[in-house]
Amino acid sequence: MTVPWEHGERLEGRHGTEPGRSYPICMDRQGACPPEDCGGVNRFLVRREASAPPEVSHDFAVLADFVDQLALERSTGDS
């Protein structure tokens, strides 16, 4: 089964440059979108998560917990 992926870019604004400052530049798009015939969105996400090193998964879990706690504090006014 082939999933018809759609991709697009949108320019939201332009900023002037400052002399002597470095700016990021996109040189390659590898990994920017799911590979052909990867099994759909859910299967792609499962495969991507499984391929991440354990320390990365742990870091994301810690970050997610922090964001959850922050959202809870802000919603209850405890911050």
C-alpha atoms as a PDB file:
ATOM      1  CA  MET A   1       0.000   0.000   0.000  1.00  0.00           C
ATOM      2  CA  THR A   2       1.378   3.393  -0.980  1.00  0.00           C
ATOM      3  CA  VAL A   3       0.533   6.444   1.111  1.00  0.00           C
ATOM      4  CA  PRO A   4       0.320   9.727  -0.829  1.00  0.00           C
ATOM      5  CA  TRP A   5       2.588  11.948   1.295  1.00  0.00           C
ATOM      6  CA  GLU A   6       2.241  15.680   0.817  1.00  0.00           C
ATOM      7  CA  HIS A   7       5.018  18.172   1.520  1.00  0.00           C
ATOM      8  CA  GLY A   8       5.151  21.903   1.352  1.00  0.00           C
ATOM      9  CA  GLU A   9       7.124  24.925   2.455  1.00  0.00           C
ATOM     10  CA  ARG A  10       5.844  28.321   3.410  1.00  0.00           C
ATOM     11  CA  LEU A  11       7.868  31.502   3.753  1.00  0.00           C
ATOM     12  CA  GLU A  12       6.477  33.277   6.799  1.00  0.00           C
ATOM     13  CA  GLY A  13       8.778  36.251   6.779  1.00  0.00           C
ATOM     14  CA  ARG A  14      12.157  37.669   5.940  1.00  0.00           C
ATOM     15  CA  HIS A  15      14.719  39.138   8.274  1.00  0.00           C
ATOM     16  CA  GLY A  16      17.681  41.342   7.538  1.00  0.00           C
ATOM     17  CA  THR A  17      21.183  40.063   8.080  1.00  0.00           C
ATOM     18  CA  GLU A  18      23.749  41.423  10.477  1.00  0.00           C
ATOM     19  CA  PRO A  19      27.392  41.773   9.413  1.00  0.00           C
ATOM     20  CA  GLY A  20      29.694  39.256  11.080  1.00  0.00           C
ATOM     21  CA  ARG A  21      26.874  36.980  12.239  1.00  0.00           C
ATOM     22  CA  SER A  22      26.568  33.337  11.152  1.00  0.00           C
ATOM     23  CA  TYR A  23      23.241  31.993   9.938  1.00  0.00           C
ATOM     24  CA  PRO A  24      22.079  28.392   9.477  1.00  0.00           C
ATOM     25  CA  ILE A  25      21.660  27.117   5.957  1.00  0.00           C
ATOM     26  CA  CYS A  26      19.966  23.968   4.721  1.00  0.00           C
ATOM     27  CA  MET A  27      22.423  21.927   2.671  1.00  0.00           C
ATOM     28  CA  ASP A  28      20.626  18.593   2.569  1.00  0.00           C
ATOM     29  CA  ARG A  29      17.160  17.254   3.165  1.00  0.00           C
ATOM     30  CA  GLN A  30      17.946  13.686   4.190  1.00  0.00           C
ATOM     31  CA  GLY A  31      15.418  12.477   6.731  1.00  0.00           C
ATOM     32  CA  ALA A  32      13.095  15.379   6.005  1.00  0.00           C
ATOM     33  CA  CYS A  33      10.259  13.093   4.995  1.00  0.00           C
ATOM     34  CA  PRO A  34       9.336   9.416   5.312  1.00  0.00           C
ATOM     35  CA  PRO A  35      10.869   7.014   2.787  1.00  0.00           C
ATOM     36  CA  GLU A  36       8.731   5.508   0.046  1.00  0.00           C
ATOM     37  CA  ASP A  37       6.619   2.487   1.034  1.00  0.00           C
ATOM     38  CA  CYS A  38       7.411   2.795   4.764  1.00  0.00           C
ATOM     39  CA  GLY A  39       4.005   1.489   5.837  1.00  0.00           C
ATOM     40  CA  GLY A  40       2.170   4.701   6.581  1.00  0.00           C
ATOM     41  CA  VAL A  41       2.486   7.364   9.232  1.00  0.00           C
ATOM     42  CA  ASN A  42       2.101   5.130  12.298  1.00  0.00           C
ATOM     43  CA  ARG A  43       4.557   2.496  11.104  1.00  0.00           C
ATOM     44  CA  PHE A  44       7.066   5.187  10.117  1.00  0.00           C
ATOM     45  CA  LEU A  45       6.889   6.756  13.597  1.00  0.00           C
ATOM     46  CA  VAL A  46       7.271   3.379  15.323  1.00  0.00           C
ATOM     47  CA  ARG A  47      10.311   2.514  13.183  1.00  0.00           C
ATOM     48  CA  ARG A  48      11.860   5.937  13.766  1.00  0.00           C
ATOM     49  CA  GLU A  49      11.408   5.696  17.534  1.00  0.00           C
ATOM     50  CA  ALA A  50      12.834   2.157  17.596  1.00  0.00           C
ATOM     51  CA  SER A  51      15.956   3.321  15.757  1.00  0.00           C
ATOM     52  CA  ALA A  52      16.762   6.078  18.283  1.00  0.00           C
ATOM     53  CA  PRO A  53      19.495   5.288  20.824  1.00  0.00           C
ATOM     54  CA  PRO A  54      18.151   4.587  24.345  1.00  0.00           C
ATOM     55  CA  GLU A  55      19.679   7.762  25.784  1.00  0.00           C
ATOM     56  CA  VAL A  56      17.757   9.860  23.252  1.00  0.00           C
ATOM     57  CA  SER A  57      14.487   8.135  24.158  1.00  0.00           C
ATOM     58  CA  HIS A  58      15.229   8.776  27.841  1.00  0.00           C
ATOM     59  CA  ASP A  59      16.006  12.443  27.153  1.00  0.00           C
ATOM     60  CA  PHE A  60      12.697  12.846  25.291  1.00  0.00           C
ATOM     61  CA  ALA A  61      10.822  11.172  28.154  1.00  0.00           C
ATOM     62  CA  VAL A  62      12.426  13.549  30.692  1.00  0.00           C
ATOM     63  CA  LEU A  63      11.617  16.536  28.487  1.00  0.00           C
ATOM     64  CA  ALA A  64       8.020  15.384  27.992  1.00  0.00           C
ATOM     65  CA  ASP A  65       7.613  14.989  31.774  1.00  0.00           C
ATOM     66  CA  PHE A  66       9.003  18.485  32.337  1.00  0.00           C
ATOM     67  CA  VAL A  67       6.613  19.985  29.771  1.00  0.00           C
ATOM     68  CA  ASP A  68       3.669  18.125  31.344  1.00  0.00           C
ATOM     69  CA  GLN A  69       4.582  19.440  34.789  1.00  0.00           C
ATOM     70  CA  LEU A  70       4.996  22.986  33.475  1.00  0.00           C
ATOM     71  CA  ALA A  71       1.614  22.848  31.735  1.00  0.00           C
ATOM     72  CA  LEU A  72      -0.005  21.530  34.923  1.00  0.00           C
ATOM     73  CA  GLU A  73       1.565  24.283  37.031  1.00  0.00           C
ATOM     74  CA  ARG A  74       0.428  26.971  34.610  1.00  0.00           C
ATOM     75  CA  SER A  75      -3.096  25.579  34.400  1.00  0.00           C
ATOM     76  CA  THR A  76      -3.424  25.515  38.214  1.00  0.00           C
ATOM     77  CA  GLY A  77      -1.619  28.824  38.785  1.00  0.00           C
ATOM     78  CA  ASP A  78       1.198  27.240  40.800  1.00  0.00           C
ATOM     79  CA  SER A  79       4.070  28.588  38.694  1.00  0.00           C
END
